[in-house]
Amino acid sequence: MAAGCVQAAMALGLSSKKASSRNIAVERKNLITVCRFSVKTLLEKYTAEPIDDSSEEFVNFAAILEQILSHRFKGPVSWFSSDGQRGFWDYIRLACSKVPNNCVSSIENMENISTSRAKGRAWIRVALMEKRMSEYISTALRDTRTTRRFYDDGAIMLREESTVLTGMLIGLSAIDFSFCLKGEVMDGKTPVVIDYTPYLKFTQSYDYLSEEEERGSVESSTSEDSSPEHPYLPLVTDEDSWYNKWRKMEQKFRIVYAQKGYLEELVRLRESQLKDLEAENKRLKLRLEEVMVQNQLEKRELEGVILELQEQLTGLIPCENPQLAQLSKEMVTPLVNQWPSLGTLNGNESGSDSKLYRREGSNPVHAGALRLPGLAAQLQVLGQPQVQRVPGERQHGSQPEPQPQLRPPAPPPHSD
C-alpha cells in the first residue's frame, strides 16, 4: 500500500514537472512570436516617420519587450533596489555597464524616475533612440554569470531564443524614435499588458464548413457594414490590392536598404579595428625580434668576459707543482656553462677567494670574486697555496711585517 502511494506521488510530481516545463516553453514561444510580429509592424509602418509614445504599435512593443526581459526573473524583492522591487533594470544596470558610452549612469541620475520598473522603461526608450538596443542585449547576454544570477532556468534570456531576439532588434536601427521621459508611462506603478488581437488570425477548415455557413461568411465579408476590429489592420479590397502591394514592397525595400547601410557601417568599423590589431601585432613581433637579438648579443659579451676571466685565473695558478700544472692544462676548457651562480658569488664564502683584476688600457677593472668548484680542495691537498695578493691587501692568517722603529738619540754623558 505504501509503495503504491509513493509511486503515485512520484508519477504526480513527474506529470506536474512536465506540465510546468510545457507552460514555460509555451510562454517563450508566445513572447518571441508576438515580438517578431510587433517588430515587423513597426518596420512596415514607421520607416519614414518617427515614433513616439502615442503610437499604439510602440506601446504594445514596449510591453512585449518588458515581458521578455521579465520572463522567469528571480525574486520580486531586492534589498539593493531603491523601491524594494526587483526588476529587469537591476540586471541591465550590471550587465550593460561595460557597454562603451552607455546610458546607465544618466538613467540612474534622473530625478523624476525613482522606481526600478520606471528606470527599466526609460532605458528601453533611450536605447531605442540611440539605436543600440541590440548592442545592449547582446552585451548583457555575453555576461552569462550575471544572467544566471538574475534569471531562473527556462527564461528566454538563458535559452537560444535570446539570440533570435537580438537578431530581431537589429532591424529597429532603421526607425527614428522620439520620446519624452516624463509622463504616466514612466511612473512604474501600473504593469503593462500585451494586446494580442492585432496578431491573431483565425483560419477555418473548409472540411467542416457547411454550404450555409460558407454563404454566410461570404455575405458577411462582402457586406458594406463590415469593418476591421483593430485600427491598424487594413481591409484589403481588389481595387487597391496592387497599390497596397506596391507600398509594402517599397517599405520593405527601404527597410532592407537602411539595414544594408547599417551593416556596411558595422563592417567598416570591424575592418578598421582589424587593421589596428594587425598593425599592433606586427609592431609587437618586431619588438620581440629586437629583444631576442639584443639577448644574443648580451649572451656573447658575457661569454667573452667569462673566457677572459678564465685566462687570467689560469695565469695566476703556480705551475711549479706538476699536479697544479696538470690542473692549469685542464682549465683550458671554457667555463661558460660551469660558472657559479650570482648567489654563490655574493655569498659568505666569496670573502676568502682571491680578487682578480684585468686591465683595459690604463684603468684596472675589478672582475669580482671568483671561485672554481673543486679548486680550493685540491690546493689544500697540495700544500700551502701561493695566492697572488693585491697591493695593499694582507694575506689571511699571516703575521704582520715588522716596521722599523725610530728611537731618540741617547743623551750625551755629563762631564763633571
Protein backbone atom coordinates (compact mmCIF):
# COMPACT_ATOMS: atom_id res chain seq x y z
CA MET A 1 0.00 0.00 0.00
CA ALA A 2 2.76 2.38 0.97
CA ALA A 3 4.75 1.53 -2.15
CA GLY A 4 1.73 2.26 -4.31
CA CYS A 5 1.26 5.67 -2.67
CA VAL A 6 4.90 6.52 -3.23
CA GLN A 7 4.69 5.56 -6.89
CA ALA A 8 1.52 7.58 -7.31
CA ALA A 9 3.15 10.61 -5.71
CA MET A 10 6.21 10.25 -7.93
CA ALA A 11 4.04 9.95 -11.02
CA LEU A 12 2.05 13.02 -9.97
CA GLY A 13 5.23 15.00 -9.38
CA LEU A 14 6.65 13.95 -12.74
CA SER A 15 3.46 14.93 -14.55
CA SER A 16 3.37 18.31 -12.80
CA LYS A 17 7.01 18.89 -13.72
CA LYS A 18 6.27 18.10 -17.36
CA ALA A 19 3.28 20.43 -17.30
CA SER A 20 5.39 23.21 -15.81
CA SER A 21 8.10 22.72 -18.45
CA ARG A 22 5.48 22.82 -21.19
CA ASN A 23 3.97 26.02 -19.82
CA ILE A 24 7.37 27.71 -19.70
CA ALA A 25 8.13 26.62 -23.27
CA VAL A 26 4.75 27.93 -24.47
CA GLU A 27 5.40 31.27 -22.75
CA ARG A 28 8.74 31.59 -24.51
CA LYS A 29 7.25 30.71 -27.87
CA ASN A 30 4.35 33.15 -27.47
CA LEU A 31 6.55 36.07 -26.42
CA ILE A 32 9.12 35.56 -29.19
CA THR A 33 6.41 35.13 -31.85
CA VAL A 34 4.45 38.20 -30.81
CA CYS A 35 7.70 40.19 -30.60
CA ARG A 36 8.51 39.22 -34.18
CA PHE A 37 5.07 40.39 -35.33
CA SER A 38 5.40 43.64 -33.39
CA VAL A 39 8.82 44.47 -34.86
CA LYS A 40 7.51 43.68 -38.34
CA THR A 41 4.56 46.02 -37.80
CA LEU A 42 6.84 48.85 -36.69
CA LEU A 43 9.15 48.40 -39.67
CA GLU A 44 6.27 48.35 -42.15
CA LYS A 45 4.50 51.42 -40.80
CA TYR A 46 7.07 53.79 -39.32
CA THR A 47 10.09 53.69 -41.61
CA ALA A 48 9.56 57.20 -42.98
CA GLU A 49 8.37 58.94 -39.78
CA PRO A 50 9.49 58.92 -36.14
CA ILE A 51 7.67 57.01 -33.41
CA ASP A 52 6.64 58.36 -30.02
CA ASP A 53 4.58 57.18 -27.05
CA SER A 54 1.32 58.00 -28.84
CA SER A 55 1.78 55.06 -31.21
CA GLU A 56 -0.26 52.02 -30.22
CA GLU A 57 2.17 49.75 -32.03
CA PHE A 58 5.10 51.04 -29.98
CA VAL A 59 3.20 50.81 -26.68
CA ASN A 60 2.48 47.18 -27.48
CA PHE A 61 6.10 46.53 -28.48
CA ALA A 62 7.40 48.11 -25.26
CA ALA A 63 5.04 45.90 -23.26
CA ILE A 64 6.26 42.80 -25.14
CA LEU A 65 9.92 43.66 -24.61
CA GLU A 66 9.32 44.34 -20.92
CA GLN A 67 7.60 40.96 -20.55
CA ILE A 68 10.50 39.22 -22.32
CA LEU A 69 13.11 40.85 -20.06
CA SER A 70 10.99 39.97 -17.00
CA HIS A 71 10.35 36.34 -18.02
CA ARG A 72 11.41 33.96 -15.22
CA PHE A 73 13.12 36.81 -13.37
CA LYS A 74 14.32 35.82 -9.89
CA GLY A 75 12.64 37.25 -6.82
CA PRO A 76 10.12 40.09 -6.54
CA VAL A 77 12.04 41.88 -3.77
CA SER A 78 15.61 43.12 -3.67
CA TRP A 79 17.47 44.77 -0.79
CA PHE A 80 19.63 46.87 -3.12
CA SER A 81 16.77 48.38 -5.14
CA SER A 82 15.66 51.89 -4.25
CA ASP A 83 11.98 50.94 -4.09
CA GLY A 84 12.44 47.40 -2.77
CA GLN A 85 11.07 45.94 -6.01
CA ARG A 86 13.49 43.93 -8.09
CA GLY A 87 13.06 44.29 -11.85
CA PHE A 88 14.99 43.71 -15.03
CA TRP A 89 16.61 47.13 -14.64
CA ASP A 90 18.81 45.72 -11.86
CA TYR A 91 20.10 43.16 -14.36
CA ILE A 92 20.58 45.68 -17.17
CA ARG A 93 22.39 48.08 -14.83
CA LEU A 94 25.06 45.47 -14.06
CA ALA A 95 25.27 43.53 -17.32
CA CYS A 96 25.38 46.61 -19.59
CA SER A 97 27.84 48.63 -17.53
CA LYS A 98 30.69 47.55 -19.87
CA VAL A 99 29.00 48.95 -22.98
CA PRO A 100 31.03 51.96 -24.17
CA ASN A 101 29.24 55.30 -23.76
CA ASN A 102 26.23 53.61 -22.17
CA CYS A 103 23.18 55.41 -20.81
CA VAL A 104 23.02 53.55 -17.49
CA SER A 105 24.51 56.34 -15.38
CA SER A 106 22.30 59.02 -16.95
CA ILE A 107 19.16 56.99 -16.19
CA GLU A 108 20.33 56.39 -12.62
CA ASN A 109 20.69 60.16 -12.12
CA MET A 110 17.21 61.08 -13.39
CA GLU A 111 15.33 62.86 -10.63
CA ASN A 112 11.78 62.21 -11.84
CA ILE A 113 12.36 58.44 -12.17
CA SER A 114 12.86 56.58 -8.92
CA THR A 115 11.42 53.06 -9.14
CA SER A 116 13.19 50.14 -10.76
CA ARG A 117 10.32 49.49 -13.18
CA ALA A 118 10.28 53.13 -14.31
CA LYS A 119 14.03 53.10 -14.89
CA GLY A 120 13.69 49.94 -16.96
CA ARG A 121 11.04 51.56 -19.15
CA ALA A 122 13.17 54.68 -19.52
CA TRP A 123 16.13 52.52 -20.55
CA ILE A 124 14.06 50.84 -23.28
CA ARG A 125 13.18 54.22 -24.78
CA VAL A 126 16.68 55.67 -24.51
CA ALA A 127 18.24 52.55 -26.07
CA LEU A 128 15.78 52.76 -28.98
CA MET A 129 16.54 56.44 -29.50
CA GLU A 130 20.27 55.61 -29.50
CA LYS A 131 19.60 52.76 -31.99
CA ARG A 132 21.65 50.45 -29.72
CA MET A 133 19.03 48.11 -28.27
CA SER A 134 20.53 45.04 -29.95
CA GLU A 135 24.02 46.00 -28.75
CA TYR A 136 22.84 46.34 -25.14
CA ILE A 137 21.05 42.98 -25.17
CA SER A 138 23.99 41.20 -26.85
CA THR A 139 26.47 42.58 -24.30
CA ALA A 140 24.21 41.56 -21.42
CA LEU A 141 23.83 38.02 -22.78
CA ARG A 142 27.61 37.60 -23.03
CA ASP A 143 27.81 38.09 -19.26
CA THR A 144 26.44 34.62 -18.54
CA ARG A 145 27.36 34.73 -14.87
CA THR A 146 25.24 37.81 -14.20
CA THR A 147 22.43 36.48 -16.40
CA ARG A 148 22.20 33.22 -14.44
CA ARG A 149 22.28 35.21 -11.24
CA PHE A 150 19.12 37.12 -12.16
CA TYR A 151 17.08 34.55 -14.16
CA ASP A 152 15.69 31.11 -13.37
CA ASP A 153 16.06 28.10 -15.63
CA GLY A 154 13.81 28.25 -18.66
CA ALA A 155 13.97 32.03 -19.03
CA ILE A 156 14.20 33.49 -22.52
CA MET A 157 17.47 35.22 -21.62
CA LEU A 158 19.02 31.81 -20.85
CA ARG A 159 17.75 29.99 -23.94
CA GLU A 160 18.52 30.07 -27.65
CA GLU A 161 15.52 32.37 -28.15
CA SER A 162 17.68 35.21 -26.83
CA THR A 163 19.81 35.03 -29.99
CA VAL A 164 16.65 35.30 -32.09
CA LEU A 165 15.64 38.34 -30.03
CA THR A 166 18.90 40.19 -30.70
CA GLY A 167 18.57 39.46 -34.41
CA MET A 168 15.07 40.93 -34.49
CA LEU A 169 16.13 44.07 -32.62
CA ILE A 170 18.81 44.92 -35.20
CA GLY A 171 16.11 45.99 -37.66
CA LEU A 172 14.89 48.70 -35.28
CA SER A 173 18.01 50.73 -36.13
CA ALA A 174 16.21 51.82 -39.31
CA ILE A 175 13.48 53.60 -37.31
CA ASP A 176 13.72 57.01 -35.65
CA PHE A 177 12.30 57.10 -32.13
CA SER A 178 11.45 60.24 -30.18
CA PHE A 179 10.23 60.01 -26.59
CA CYS A 180 9.64 62.28 -23.64
CA LEU A 181 10.86 60.60 -20.48
CA LYS A 182 8.11 62.13 -18.38
CA GLY A 183 4.53 61.04 -18.03
CA GLU A 184 2.29 58.30 -16.79
CA VAL A 185 4.16 55.52 -18.59
CA MET A 186 7.24 56.37 -16.50
CA ASP A 187 5.59 56.04 -13.10
CA GLY A 188 6.33 52.33 -12.87
CA LYS A 189 3.28 51.62 -10.71
CA THR A 190 0.97 50.05 -13.27
CA PRO A 191 2.04 46.86 -15.08
CA VAL A 192 1.79 46.69 -18.85
CA VAL A 193 -0.47 44.28 -20.74
CA ILE A 194 0.20 42.87 -24.20
CA ASP A 195 -2.52 43.26 -26.83
CA TYR A 196 -2.57 40.05 -28.86
CA THR A 197 -5.58 40.88 -31.03
CA PRO A 198 -3.66 42.60 -33.88
CA TYR A 199 -1.70 39.41 -34.48
CA LEU A 200 -4.50 36.83 -34.19
CA LYS A 201 -5.97 35.35 -37.34
CA PHE A 202 -8.48 32.51 -37.25
CA THR A 203 -8.42 30.03 -40.14
CA GLN A 204 -11.46 27.79 -40.58
CA SER A 205 -11.01 24.45 -42.29
CA TYR A 206 -13.38 24.05 -45.26
CA ASP A 207 -13.89 20.37 -44.44
CA TYR A 208 -16.08 21.33 -41.51
CA LEU A 209 -17.81 24.25 -43.21
CA SER A 210 -21.32 23.66 -44.48
CA GLU A 211 -22.81 25.41 -47.51
CA GLU A 212 -24.97 27.70 -45.38
CA GLU A 213 -22.04 28.74 -43.20
CA GLU A 214 -19.93 29.33 -46.31
CA ARG A 215 -22.59 31.56 -47.86
CA GLY A 216 -22.99 33.40 -44.58
CA SER A 217 -19.26 34.01 -44.28
CA VAL A 218 -19.06 35.27 -47.87
CA GLU A 219 -22.01 37.63 -47.36
CA SER A 220 -20.55 38.96 -44.11
CA SER A 221 -17.16 39.54 -45.74
CA THR A 222 -18.70 41.47 -48.68
CA SER A 223 -21.08 43.48 -46.54
CA GLU A 224 -20.66 47.23 -46.53
CA ASP A 225 -21.07 47.37 -42.79
CA SER A 226 -18.08 45.14 -42.17
CA SER A 227 -15.07 46.94 -40.74
CA PRO A 228 -11.84 45.79 -39.12
CA GLU A 229 -11.94 45.40 -35.37
CA HIS A 230 -8.43 46.75 -34.89
CA PRO A 231 -7.48 50.22 -36.13
CA TYR A 232 -4.15 49.17 -37.69
CA LEU A 233 -5.33 46.08 -39.60
CA PRO A 234 -6.39 47.48 -43.01
CA LEU A 235 -9.10 45.79 -45.09
CA VAL A 236 -7.62 44.98 -48.50
CA THR A 237 -10.02 45.04 -51.48
CA ASP A 238 -9.49 44.22 -55.14
CA GLU A 239 -9.30 47.88 -56.16
CA ASP A 240 -6.34 48.88 -54.04
CA SER A 241 -4.67 45.48 -53.64
CA TRP A 242 -1.97 46.25 -56.23
CA TYR A 243 -1.37 49.67 -54.74
CA ASN A 244 -1.01 48.20 -51.26
CA LYS A 245 1.36 45.55 -52.55
CA TRP A 246 3.47 48.23 -54.18
CA ARG A 247 3.52 50.25 -50.94
CA LYS A 248 4.57 47.19 -48.95
CA MET A 249 7.33 46.37 -51.41
CA GLU A 250 8.56 49.95 -51.25
CA GLN A 251 8.59 49.89 -47.45
CA LYS A 252 10.44 46.58 -47.42
CA PHE A 253 12.98 47.99 -49.85
CA ARG A 254 13.57 50.99 -47.59
CA ILE A 255 13.95 48.75 -44.56
CA VAL A 256 16.42 46.49 -46.34
CA TYR A 257 18.31 49.50 -47.67
CA ALA A 258 18.56 51.02 -44.19
CA GLN A 259 19.70 47.72 -42.71
CA LYS A 260 22.23 47.37 -45.53
CA GLY A 261 23.72 50.78 -44.68
CA TYR A 262 23.88 49.90 -41.01
CA LEU A 263 25.61 46.58 -41.68
CA GLU A 264 28.06 48.21 -44.10
CA GLU A 265 28.99 50.76 -41.46
CA LEU A 266 29.43 47.94 -38.96
CA VAL A 267 31.68 46.07 -41.41
CA ARG A 268 33.79 49.19 -41.97
CA LEU A 269 34.19 49.60 -38.23
CA ARG A 270 35.27 45.99 -37.81
CA GLU A 271 37.73 46.30 -40.70
CA SER A 272 39.35 49.37 -39.14
CA GLN A 273 39.61 47.55 -35.82
CA LEU A 274 41.16 44.55 -37.58
CA LYS A 275 43.75 46.76 -39.29
CA ASP A 276 44.68 48.35 -35.97
CA LEU A 277 45.10 44.92 -34.38
CA GLU A 278 47.23 43.69 -37.27
CA ALA A 279 49.49 46.76 -37.01
CA GLU A 280 49.81 46.24 -33.26
CA ASN A 281 50.64 42.56 -33.79
CA LYS A 282 53.31 43.45 -36.35
CA ARG A 283 54.84 46.02 -34.02
CA LEU A 284 54.98 43.50 -31.18
CA LYS A 285 56.64 40.91 -33.43
CA LEU A 286 59.33 43.41 -34.43
CA ARG A 287 59.87 44.31 -30.81
CA LEU A 288 60.20 40.63 -29.91
CA GLU A 289 62.80 40.09 -32.62
CA GLU A 290 64.79 43.10 -31.41
CA VAL A 291 64.75 41.80 -27.84
CA MET A 292 65.90 38.35 -28.96
CA VAL A 293 68.81 39.84 -30.96
CA GLN A 294 69.77 42.01 -28.02
CA ASN A 295 69.71 38.99 -25.70
CA GLN A 296 72.00 37.07 -28.05
CA LEU A 297 74.49 39.95 -28.14
CA GLU A 298 74.49 40.24 -24.37
CA LYS A 299 75.00 36.49 -24.05
CA ARG A 300 78.03 36.60 -26.37
CA GLU A 301 79.51 39.52 -24.45
CA LEU A 302 79.12 37.68 -21.16
CA GLU A 303 80.71 34.54 -22.62
CA GLY A 304 83.69 36.63 -23.78
CA VAL A 305 84.06 38.15 -20.32
CA ILE A 306 83.95 34.69 -18.74
CA LEU A 307 86.63 33.36 -21.11
CA GLU A 308 88.84 36.35 -20.44
CA LEU A 309 88.49 35.92 -16.68
CA GLN A 310 89.28 32.23 -17.07
CA GLU A 311 92.52 33.06 -18.88
CA GLN A 312 93.52 35.45 -16.12
CA LEU A 313 92.72 32.85 -13.48
CA THR A 314 94.81 30.15 -15.19
CA GLY A 315 97.75 32.56 -15.35
CA LEU A 316 97.60 33.13 -11.58
CA ILE A 317 97.90 29.44 -10.69
CA PRO A 318 101.60 28.49 -9.96
CA CYS A 319 102.93 25.79 -12.23
CA GLU A 320 105.93 24.57 -10.14
CA ASN A 321 103.99 21.65 -8.77
CA PRO A 322 103.25 19.05 -11.50
CA GLN A 323 99.72 18.48 -10.18
CA LEU A 324 98.95 22.19 -10.38
CA ALA A 325 100.40 22.28 -13.88
CA GLN A 326 98.05 19.48 -14.86
CA LEU A 327 95.15 21.41 -13.33
CA SER A 328 96.15 24.50 -15.30
CA LYS A 329 96.08 22.49 -18.52
CA GLU A 330 92.65 21.14 -17.71
CA MET A 331 91.28 24.66 -17.29
CA VAL A 332 91.73 25.33 -20.99
CA THR A 333 88.16 24.03 -21.33
CA PRO A 334 85.75 27.01 -21.35
CA LEU A 335 83.86 27.55 -18.11
CA VAL A 336 80.89 29.27 -19.74
CA ASN A 337 78.40 26.62 -18.65
CA GLN A 338 80.20 25.83 -15.35
CA TRP A 339 80.41 29.31 -13.89
CA PRO A 340 78.93 29.68 -10.39
CA SER A 341 75.64 31.49 -9.89
CA LEU A 342 75.28 35.04 -8.67
CA GLY A 343 74.12 33.83 -5.26
CA THR A 344 77.35 31.83 -4.82
CA LEU A 345 79.47 34.79 -5.86
CA ASN A 346 77.72 37.10 -3.41
CA GLY A 347 77.68 34.53 -0.54
CA ASN A 348 79.74 34.44 2.59
CA GLU A 349 82.32 32.08 1.05
CA SER A 350 83.40 34.66 -1.50
CA GLY A 351 85.21 36.63 1.17
CA SER A 352 88.11 34.18 1.27
CA ASP A 353 88.52 33.95 -2.54
CA SER A 354 91.24 35.83 -4.32
CA LYS A 355 90.33 39.03 -6.14
CA LEU A 356 91.32 39.29 -9.75
CA TYR A 357 91.82 42.33 -11.92
CA ARG A 358 92.10 42.86 -15.63
CA ARG A 359 93.34 45.98 -17.36
CA GLU A 360 91.79 47.79 -20.25
CA GLY A 361 94.27 50.46 -21.23
CA SER A 362 95.45 52.06 -18.04
CA ASN A 363 92.26 51.62 -15.95
CA PRO A 364 92.06 48.50 -13.78
CA VAL A 365 88.67 46.76 -13.89
CA HIS A 366 87.61 44.61 -10.96
CA ALA A 367 86.26 41.26 -12.16
CA GLY A 368 84.65 40.29 -8.87
CA ALA A 369 85.37 37.45 -6.50
CA LEU A 370 85.77 34.23 -8.50
CA ARG A 371 85.58 30.71 -7.21
CA LEU A 372 86.01 27.45 -9.14
CA PRO A 373 84.36 24.22 -7.92
CA GLY A 374 86.95 21.78 -6.53
CA LEU A 375 89.90 24.15 -6.87
CA ALA A 376 90.14 25.06 -3.18
CA ALA A 377 90.14 21.40 -2.10
CA GLN A 378 92.96 20.48 -4.49
CA LEU A 379 95.05 23.44 -3.40
CA GLN A 380 94.69 22.39 0.25
CA VAL A 381 95.89 18.86 -0.56
CA LEU A 382 98.97 20.05 -2.41
CA GLY A 383 100.15 22.21 0.43
CA GLN A 384 100.28 25.84 1.19
CA PRO A 385 98.81 27.60 -1.88
CA GLN A 386 100.52 30.59 -3.35
CA VAL A 387 97.90 33.25 -3.88
CA GLN A 388 98.77 36.49 -5.54
CA ARG A 389 97.81 39.33 -3.35
CA VAL A 390 96.55 42.66 -4.38
CA PRO A 391 98.83 45.53 -3.41
CA GLY A 392 97.73 46.96 -0.10
CA GLU A 393 95.91 43.81 0.99
CA ARG A 394 97.24 41.45 3.68
CA GLN A 395 97.02 37.68 3.39
CA HIS A 396 94.68 36.00 5.82
CA GLY A 397 96.47 34.29 8.73
CA SER A 398 99.96 35.81 8.06
CA GLN A 399 101.92 37.77 10.62
CA PRO A 400 102.33 41.48 10.06
CA GLU A 401 105.72 42.57 8.78
CA PRO A 402 107.91 44.28 11.34
CA GLN A 403 108.06 48.00 10.92
CA PRO A 404 111.29 49.92 11.74
CA GLN A 405 111.04 51.93 14.91
CA LEU A 406 112.82 55.25 15.43
CA ARG A 407 114.37 55.74 18.84
CA PRO A 408 115.54 59.11 20.19
CA PRO A 409 119.33 59.57 20.44
CA ALA A 410 120.91 58.84 23.78
CA PRO A 411 121.79 61.91 25.83
CA PRO A 412 125.48 62.79 25.97
CA PRO A 413 127.31 61.93 29.16
CA HIS A 414 127.61 64.69 31.72
CA SER A 415 131.07 65.85 32.37
CA ASP A 416 131.91 66.58 35.90
